[in-house]
Amino acid sequence: MKDYYSILGVSRDASQEEIKRAFRRLARKYHPDLNPGNKEAEEKFKEINEAYSCLSDPIKKANYDRYGTAEGPIGNGFGFETHTTFTDIFEDIFEGFFGSFGFRKQRPVKGADLRYDLTITLEEAAFGVEKEIKYHRWEECFNCKGSGIKPGTSPVTCNACGGTGYIKFNQGFFSVSKTCNKCGGKGQIIKDPCPECSGRGKVRLEQTINVKIPPGVDSGTRLKVSGGGELGEFGGPRGDLYIYVEVKEHEIFRREGINLYCSVPISFVKAVFGGDIEVPTLEGVEKIHIPAGTPSGKTFRIKGKGLPRVGSNQRGDEIVTVYIDVPKKLNQRQRELLEEFAKVSGEDIKKNTKGFKEKLKNIFSS
């Protein structure tokens, strides 16, 4: 696994600004245009490009820190897509050196991705479920239709850039265009902002959607709802919504992969003579046969009563461990019968026997 932090020369707790500064410094040093014919510099540039693409994205960075990969633990249609392109990074580098170029003016930008944490039961994880979830995101303002302008009024042309959205100037051999600070690259100034959105052009609203959880998911599973994220800028598409699944612990079952484990008590009589017992499964109760003379801790496997593997027809098993449930209270008749059993077996229950620790002491002292 590549150490992206070492590649950029930053610590694991570095801020996004520190990561960005380190990337710009290395990109300027190793950029192929500044190192023509230098294959080593070209490979180094690709490496730092890859590292920055991961660490500059909060979701990919979180996956990398937890799983060692930007894609996280599950693919199969639920993985993240890479949104950072070489053009994005190239422009980002030179924006840090010289300011924004004219071709960046109002470039469509995809909206931010959102995260939703969803907790489900083991039964829901086993058989799949459809969940209604509610979350908040930005929506286009219904009053101004996203313009940010009070209805019935009009914006004025920015007097700093003349409505172009950028200011041209020369720097050394370069003729560059910097985004206008006064209008933010829009070329217009809103004098009368929309009262509903305060000129933002968007409002925060609650969303309600239904999400299908496939059978077999486990804690850490990541589901993607395309277009469920925030609004894009300058005509860009919406971001995506990522749903992180957490499966609650069960009172009876313990999960390991696609197999389930549980412990079931049996009586001393059942252990001695054998017989059928009922054990719980995720689909109700199931009968299993206990052979005569079954010791405590014996395990039995019930085929196909575990969980399904996501995206396949394979299903795990349920492993049942039995233990002898020793009664804490006996009636007079039960006590008499057990004493008779002990007597017939040659065991004197009234005579004190040496404890296990005392026996060990005698062994090692001899």
Protein backbone atom coordinates (compact mmCIF):
# COMPACT_ATOMS: atom_id res chain seq x y z
CA MET A 1 0.00 0.00 0.00
CA LYS A 2 1.32 3.42 -0.95
CA ASP A 3 1.80 5.90 1.89
CA TYR A 4 0.15 9.00 0.43
CA TYR A 5 1.11 11.09 3.45
CA SER A 6 4.81 10.30 2.98
CA ILE A 7 4.55 10.98 -0.75
CA LEU A 8 3.29 14.51 -0.05
CA GLY A 9 5.57 14.91 2.98
CA VAL A 10 2.78 15.68 5.47
CA SER A 11 1.65 14.14 8.75
CA ARG A 12 -1.50 12.03 9.04
CA ASP A 13 -3.25 14.82 10.98
CA ALA A 14 -2.40 17.48 8.38
CA SER A 15 -5.18 19.91 7.49
CA GLN A 16 -6.60 20.21 3.97
CA GLU A 17 -4.75 23.51 3.57
CA GLU A 18 -1.43 21.87 4.54
CA ILE A 19 -2.08 19.01 2.10
CA LYS A 20 -2.88 21.50 -0.67
CA ARG A 21 0.27 23.57 -0.01
CA ALA A 22 2.46 20.45 -0.04
CA PHE A 23 0.92 19.28 -3.30
CA ARG A 24 1.41 22.63 -5.01
CA ARG A 25 5.03 22.79 -3.92
CA LEU A 26 5.78 19.28 -5.23
CA ALA A 27 3.71 19.75 -8.40
CA ARG A 28 5.68 22.85 -9.30
CA LYS A 29 8.93 20.96 -8.73
CA TYR A 30 8.07 17.81 -10.71
CA HIS A 31 5.59 19.02 -13.36
CA PRO A 32 6.54 17.49 -16.77
CA ASP A 33 6.34 20.89 -18.48
CA LEU A 34 9.03 22.15 -16.13
CA ASN A 35 11.10 18.96 -16.47
CA PRO A 36 11.02 18.05 -20.20
CA GLY A 37 12.38 14.59 -20.94
CA ASN A 38 12.81 13.72 -17.26
CA LYS A 39 11.02 10.37 -16.84
CA GLU A 40 11.76 10.24 -13.11
CA ALA A 41 10.08 13.63 -12.59
CA GLU A 42 7.13 12.49 -14.70
CA GLU A 43 6.60 9.38 -12.57
CA LYS A 44 6.99 11.42 -9.40
CA PHE A 45 4.36 13.88 -10.64
CA LYS A 46 1.92 11.03 -11.30
CA GLU A 47 2.54 9.69 -7.80
CA ILE A 48 1.89 13.00 -6.03
CA ASN A 49 -1.12 13.55 -8.30
CA GLU A 50 -2.54 10.20 -7.13
CA ALA A 51 -1.83 11.00 -3.47
CA TYR A 52 -3.45 14.43 -3.67
CA SER A 53 -6.49 13.09 -5.52
CA CYS A 54 -7.14 10.82 -2.53
CA LEU A 55 -6.21 13.04 0.43
CA SER A 56 -7.93 16.17 -0.91
CA ASP A 57 -11.30 14.37 -1.00
CA PRO A 58 -12.72 14.02 2.57
CA ILE A 59 -14.61 10.80 1.77
CA LYS A 60 -11.70 9.14 -0.05
CA LYS A 61 -9.32 10.27 2.71
CA ALA A 62 -11.57 8.74 5.37
CA ASN A 63 -11.65 5.44 3.42
CA TYR A 64 -7.86 5.51 2.95
CA ASP A 65 -7.25 6.16 6.67
CA ARG A 66 -9.58 3.31 7.65
CA TYR A 67 -9.11 0.71 4.91
CA GLY A 68 -5.88 1.71 3.14
CA THR A 69 -7.67 2.43 -0.12
CA ALA A 70 -9.73 5.36 -1.41
CA GLU A 71 -12.44 2.94 -2.58
CA GLY A 72 -13.22 1.51 0.87
CA PRO A 73 -14.17 -2.12 1.70
CA ILE A 74 -16.85 -2.83 -0.92
CA GLY A 75 -17.06 -2.44 -4.67
CA ASN A 76 -19.86 -4.20 -6.59
CA GLY A 77 -21.53 -1.00 -7.64
CA PHE A 78 -21.33 0.69 -4.23
CA GLY A 79 -17.84 2.17 -4.55
CA PHE A 80 -16.95 5.81 -4.98
CA GLU A 81 -16.33 7.36 -8.36
CA THR A 82 -13.27 9.48 -9.00
CA HIS A 83 -14.35 13.05 -9.70
CA THR A 84 -10.96 14.78 -9.74
CA THR A 85 -9.54 14.98 -13.26
CA PHE A 86 -6.07 15.92 -14.45
CA THR A 87 -7.50 19.19 -15.80
CA ASP A 88 -8.91 20.01 -12.37
CA ILE A 89 -5.56 19.46 -10.70
CA PHE A 90 -3.60 21.22 -13.45
CA GLU A 91 -5.81 24.28 -13.09
CA ASP A 92 -5.57 24.08 -9.29
CA ILE A 93 -1.76 24.16 -9.47
CA PHE A 94 -1.59 27.21 -11.68
CA GLU A 95 -4.29 29.01 -9.77
CA GLY A 96 -1.95 28.86 -6.78
CA PHE A 97 0.95 30.26 -8.84
CA PHE A 98 -0.72 32.97 -10.92
CA GLY A 99 -4.44 33.21 -10.09
CA SER A 100 -7.34 31.75 -12.06
CA PHE A 101 -7.15 31.53 -15.84
CA GLY A 102 -10.05 32.82 -17.89
CA PHE A 103 -11.16 29.30 -18.85
CA ARG A 104 -12.05 28.67 -15.20
CA LYS A 105 -14.73 31.32 -15.26
CA GLN A 106 -17.99 29.71 -14.20
CA ARG A 107 -16.80 26.21 -15.03
CA PRO A 108 -19.52 23.68 -14.05
CA VAL A 109 -18.70 22.20 -10.65
CA LYS A 110 -20.30 19.08 -9.23
CA GLY A 111 -22.07 19.53 -5.91
CA ALA A 112 -20.68 18.23 -2.63
CA ASP A 113 -21.29 14.61 -1.62
CA LEU A 114 -23.28 13.93 1.55
CA ARG A 115 -23.07 11.15 4.14
CA TYR A 116 -25.93 9.48 6.03
CA ASP A 117 -25.40 6.92 8.83
CA LEU A 118 -28.11 4.25 8.91
CA THR A 119 -28.54 1.67 11.68
CA ILE A 120 -30.46 -1.54 10.92
CA THR A 121 -31.19 -4.82 12.72
CA LEU A 122 -29.53 -8.15 11.97
CA GLU A 123 -32.80 -9.45 10.53
CA GLU A 124 -33.00 -6.48 8.17
CA ALA A 125 -29.40 -7.03 7.15
CA ALA A 126 -30.08 -10.71 6.45
CA PHE A 127 -33.17 -10.36 4.29
CA GLY A 128 -32.87 -6.82 2.95
CA VAL A 129 -35.16 -3.93 3.72
CA GLU A 130 -36.47 -0.69 2.28
CA LYS A 131 -35.86 2.26 4.59
CA GLU A 132 -37.26 5.77 4.53
CA ILE A 133 -34.55 8.27 5.42
CA LYS A 134 -34.72 12.01 5.99
CA TYR A 135 -31.86 14.45 5.61
CA HIS A 136 -31.27 18.10 4.72
CA ARG A 137 -29.66 19.48 1.60
CA TRP A 138 -29.63 22.71 -0.41
CA GLU A 139 -32.41 23.19 -2.96
CA GLU A 140 -32.92 25.88 -5.58
CA CYS A 141 -34.80 28.80 -4.05
CA PHE A 142 -38.46 28.60 -5.10
CA ASN A 143 -38.85 32.40 -4.89
CA CYS A 144 -36.01 33.57 -7.14
CA LYS A 145 -35.54 30.32 -9.14
CA GLY A 146 -31.91 30.11 -8.04
CA SER A 147 -30.86 33.59 -9.20
CA GLY A 148 -30.52 35.07 -5.73
CA ILE A 149 -32.22 38.25 -7.02
CA LYS A 150 -35.38 39.70 -5.53
CA PRO A 151 -38.21 39.13 -8.03
CA GLY A 152 -38.93 42.26 -10.04
CA THR A 153 -35.37 43.58 -9.76
CA SER A 154 -32.23 43.11 -11.83
CA PRO A 155 -28.52 42.79 -10.99
CA VAL A 156 -26.02 45.45 -12.03
CA THR A 157 -22.86 44.92 -14.03
CA CYS A 158 -19.75 44.65 -11.89
CA ASN A 159 -17.71 47.83 -12.33
CA ALA A 160 -14.48 46.10 -11.34
CA CYS A 161 -14.39 43.58 -14.21
CA GLY A 162 -16.89 45.16 -16.59
CA GLY A 163 -19.13 42.11 -16.44
CA THR A 164 -16.50 39.61 -17.62
CA GLY A 165 -16.07 37.98 -14.21
CA TYR A 166 -12.27 38.15 -14.35
CA ILE A 167 -9.50 40.70 -14.42
CA LYS A 168 -6.59 40.37 -16.86
CA PHE A 169 -3.05 41.34 -15.95
CA ASN A 170 0.54 40.48 -16.89
CA GLN A 171 2.93 38.60 -14.63
CA GLY A 172 6.37 38.00 -16.08
CA PHE A 173 5.99 36.17 -19.39
CA PHE A 174 2.42 35.22 -18.61
CA SER A 175 -0.78 37.03 -19.40
CA VAL A 176 -3.25 35.69 -16.89
CA SER A 177 -6.85 36.25 -15.83
CA LYS A 178 -7.75 36.32 -12.16
CA THR A 179 -11.28 35.79 -10.90
CA CYS A 180 -12.84 39.10 -9.94
CA ASN A 181 -12.89 39.40 -6.16
CA LYS A 182 -15.79 41.84 -6.14
CA CYS A 183 -18.37 39.72 -8.00
CA GLY A 184 -16.80 36.29 -7.45
CA GLY A 185 -16.54 35.64 -11.18
CA LYS A 186 -20.24 36.20 -11.91
CA GLY A 187 -19.79 39.56 -13.63
CA GLN A 188 -22.81 40.97 -11.83
CA ILE A 189 -23.61 42.45 -8.42
CA ILE A 190 -26.91 41.79 -6.68
CA LYS A 191 -28.19 45.02 -5.17
CA ASP A 192 -31.56 43.61 -4.08
CA PRO A 193 -31.12 40.02 -2.80
CA CYS A 194 -34.00 37.59 -2.62
CA PRO A 195 -35.58 37.77 0.87
CA GLU A 196 -36.21 34.00 0.97
CA CYS A 197 -32.62 32.90 0.43
CA SER A 198 -30.72 36.13 1.29
CA GLY A 199 -29.22 36.16 -2.19
CA ARG A 200 -27.75 32.65 -2.04
CA GLY A 201 -30.14 31.29 -4.65
CA LYS A 202 -30.75 28.19 -2.55
CA VAL A 203 -32.51 27.17 0.64
CA ARG A 204 -31.96 24.33 3.13
CA LEU A 205 -34.80 21.80 2.97
CA GLU A 206 -35.53 18.35 4.38
CA GLN A 207 -35.55 15.47 1.90
CA THR A 208 -37.32 12.14 2.30
CA ILE A 209 -36.25 9.19 0.16
CA ASN A 210 -36.69 5.41 0.20
CA VAL A 211 -33.52 3.34 0.07
CA LYS A 212 -33.35 -0.38 -0.66
CA ILE A 213 -30.83 -2.22 1.50
CA PRO A 214 -29.72 -5.45 -0.24
CA PRO A 215 -29.64 -8.75 1.71
CA GLY A 216 -26.34 -9.63 3.36
CA VAL A 217 -24.97 -6.17 4.15
CA ASP A 218 -22.67 -5.75 7.14
CA SER A 219 -21.45 -2.84 9.22
CA GLY A 220 -19.32 -0.56 7.05
CA THR A 221 -21.26 -1.26 3.87
CA ARG A 222 -21.51 1.89 1.76
CA LEU A 223 -24.45 2.52 -0.58
CA LYS A 224 -24.55 5.28 -3.17
CA VAL A 225 -27.58 7.35 -4.17
CA SER A 226 -26.54 9.15 -7.36
CA GLY A 227 -27.62 12.78 -7.42
CA GLY A 228 -28.68 12.72 -3.77
CA GLY A 229 -26.07 15.28 -2.68
CA GLU A 230 -25.78 19.05 -2.81
CA LEU A 231 -26.52 21.36 -5.74
CA GLY A 232 -23.79 21.87 -8.31
CA GLU A 233 -22.37 25.27 -9.20
CA PHE A 234 -22.59 27.00 -12.59
CA GLY A 235 -24.79 24.28 -14.04
CA GLY A 236 -22.80 21.39 -12.62
CA PRO A 237 -24.56 18.15 -11.56
CA ARG A 238 -25.62 17.36 -8.03
CA GLY A 239 -23.29 15.52 -5.71
CA ASP A 240 -24.10 12.02 -4.46
CA LEU A 241 -25.46 10.72 -1.17
CA TYR A 242 -23.47 7.94 0.51
CA ILE A 243 -25.25 5.80 3.07
CA TYR A 244 -23.07 4.05 5.62
CA VAL A 245 -24.74 1.02 7.20
CA GLU A 246 -24.29 -0.05 10.82
CA VAL A 247 -25.82 -3.40 11.94
CA LYS A 248 -26.91 -3.52 15.59
CA GLU A 249 -25.67 -6.30 17.86
CA HIS A 250 -28.21 -9.10 18.33
CA GLU A 251 -29.35 -10.47 21.67
CA ILE A 252 -28.93 -14.09 20.58
CA PHE A 253 -26.75 -14.30 17.50
CA ARG A 254 -23.14 -13.39 16.85
CA ARG A 255 -22.14 -12.80 13.25
CA GLU A 256 -18.88 -13.77 11.58
CA GLY A 257 -18.99 -13.08 7.86
CA ILE A 258 -22.02 -14.93 6.51
CA ASN A 259 -22.21 -17.42 9.39
CA LEU A 260 -24.23 -17.01 12.59
CA TYR A 261 -23.30 -18.35 16.03
CA CYS A 262 -25.48 -18.88 19.09
CA SER A 263 -25.44 -20.82 22.37
CA VAL A 264 -28.40 -22.92 23.54
CA PRO A 265 -28.88 -24.53 26.97
CA ILE A 266 -29.85 -28.19 27.39
CA SER A 267 -30.70 -30.11 30.52
CA PHE A 268 -28.44 -32.69 32.14
CA VAL A 269 -31.03 -35.37 31.32
CA LYS A 270 -31.14 -34.33 27.64
CA ALA A 271 -27.34 -34.43 27.47
CA VAL A 272 -27.30 -37.94 28.93
CA PHE A 273 -30.21 -39.54 27.06
CA GLY A 274 -30.29 -37.37 23.95
CA GLY A 275 -33.34 -36.14 22.07
CA ASP A 276 -34.61 -33.29 19.94
CA ILE A 277 -34.46 -29.62 20.93
CA GLU A 278 -35.69 -26.42 19.30
CA VAL A 279 -33.13 -23.72 18.51
CA PRO A 280 -33.74 -20.16 17.28
CA THR A 281 -32.92 -19.06 13.73
CA LEU A 282 -33.55 -15.78 11.91
CA GLU A 283 -36.61 -17.44 10.32
CA GLY A 284 -38.13 -18.96 13.45
CA VAL A 285 -37.24 -22.17 15.30
CA GLU A 286 -35.49 -25.24 13.95
CA LYS A 287 -35.28 -28.74 15.46
CA ILE A 288 -31.93 -30.43 15.89
CA HIS A 289 -31.14 -33.85 17.38
CA ILE A 290 -28.91 -34.13 20.44
CA PRO A 291 -27.13 -37.53 20.59
CA ALA A 292 -26.97 -39.36 23.91
CA GLY A 293 -23.90 -38.45 25.93
CA THR A 294 -23.48 -34.98 24.41
CA PRO A 295 -20.91 -32.94 26.39
CA SER A 296 -21.25 -29.26 27.17
CA GLY A 297 -19.64 -27.15 24.41
CA LYS A 298 -20.60 -29.48 21.56
CA THR A 299 -21.40 -27.62 18.32
CA PHE A 300 -24.00 -28.40 15.66
CA ARG A 301 -24.25 -26.86 12.19
CA ILE A 302 -27.54 -25.93 10.52
CA LYS A 303 -26.92 -25.53 6.81
CA GLY A 304 -28.20 -22.45 5.03
CA LYS A 305 -29.52 -20.64 8.10
CA GLY A 306 -26.85 -17.94 8.12
CA LEU A 307 -26.74 -14.74 6.06
CA PRO A 308 -26.56 -14.39 2.28
CA ARG A 309 -23.44 -13.09 0.59
CA VAL A 310 -24.17 -9.72 -1.03
CA GLY A 311 -24.87 -10.09 -4.73
CA SER A 312 -24.93 -13.89 -4.79
CA ASN A 313 -27.14 -16.88 -3.96
CA GLN A 314 -24.64 -18.25 -1.43
CA ARG A 315 -25.82 -18.38 2.16
CA GLY A 316 -23.91 -19.13 5.33
CA ASP A 317 -24.71 -21.58 8.13
CA GLU A 318 -25.82 -21.30 11.74
CA ILE A 319 -23.48 -22.87 14.28
CA VAL A 320 -25.18 -23.82 17.55
CA THR A 321 -23.17 -24.51 20.69
CA VAL A 322 -24.99 -26.38 23.48
CA TYR A 323 -24.16 -26.10 27.15
CA ILE A 324 -25.58 -28.00 30.11
CA ASP A 325 -27.86 -25.81 32.17
CA VAL A 326 -27.21 -26.78 35.79
CA PRO A 327 -30.31 -26.27 37.95
CA LYS A 328 -29.80 -23.90 40.88
CA LYS A 329 -32.67 -25.28 42.95
CA LEU A 330 -33.78 -28.91 43.41
CA ASN A 331 -36.89 -30.30 45.08
CA GLN A 332 -36.57 -33.12 47.57
CA ARG A 333 -37.33 -35.87 45.05
CA GLN A 334 -34.79 -34.51 42.52
CA ARG A 335 -32.13 -34.36 45.21
CA GLU A 336 -32.84 -37.93 46.33
CA LEU A 337 -32.58 -39.24 42.78
CA LEU A 338 -29.30 -37.43 42.13
CA GLU A 339 -27.84 -38.67 45.41
CA GLU A 340 -28.84 -42.18 44.44
CA PHE A 341 -27.23 -41.66 41.02
CA ALA A 342 -24.01 -40.48 42.67
CA LYS A 343 -24.02 -43.44 45.03
CA VAL A 344 -24.50 -45.92 42.21
CA SER A 345 -21.71 -44.17 40.27
CA GLY A 346 -19.35 -44.57 43.24
CA GLU A 347 -19.14 -40.88 44.01
CA ASP A 348 -19.39 -39.70 47.62
CA ILE A 349 -20.88 -36.21 47.32
CA LYS A 350 -20.60 -35.59 51.09
CA LYS A 351 -16.86 -36.14 51.19
CA ASN A 352 -14.69 -33.10 50.52
CA THR A 353 -12.38 -33.54 47.57
CA LYS A 354 -9.21 -31.61 46.87
CA GLY A 355 -9.68 -28.50 44.82
CA PHE A 356 -7.99 -28.10 41.46
CA LYS A 357 -5.48 -25.55 42.79
CA GLU A 358 -4.54 -27.85 45.68
CA LYS A 359 -3.99 -30.73 43.27
CA LEU A 360 -1.69 -28.56 41.14
CA LYS A 361 0.21 -27.54 44.26
CA ASN A 362 0.77 -31.14 45.19
CA ILE A 363 1.91 -32.05 41.68
CA PHE A 364 4.57 -29.33 41.47
CA SER A 365 5.75 -29.73 45.05
CA SER A 366 6.46 -33.44 44.63
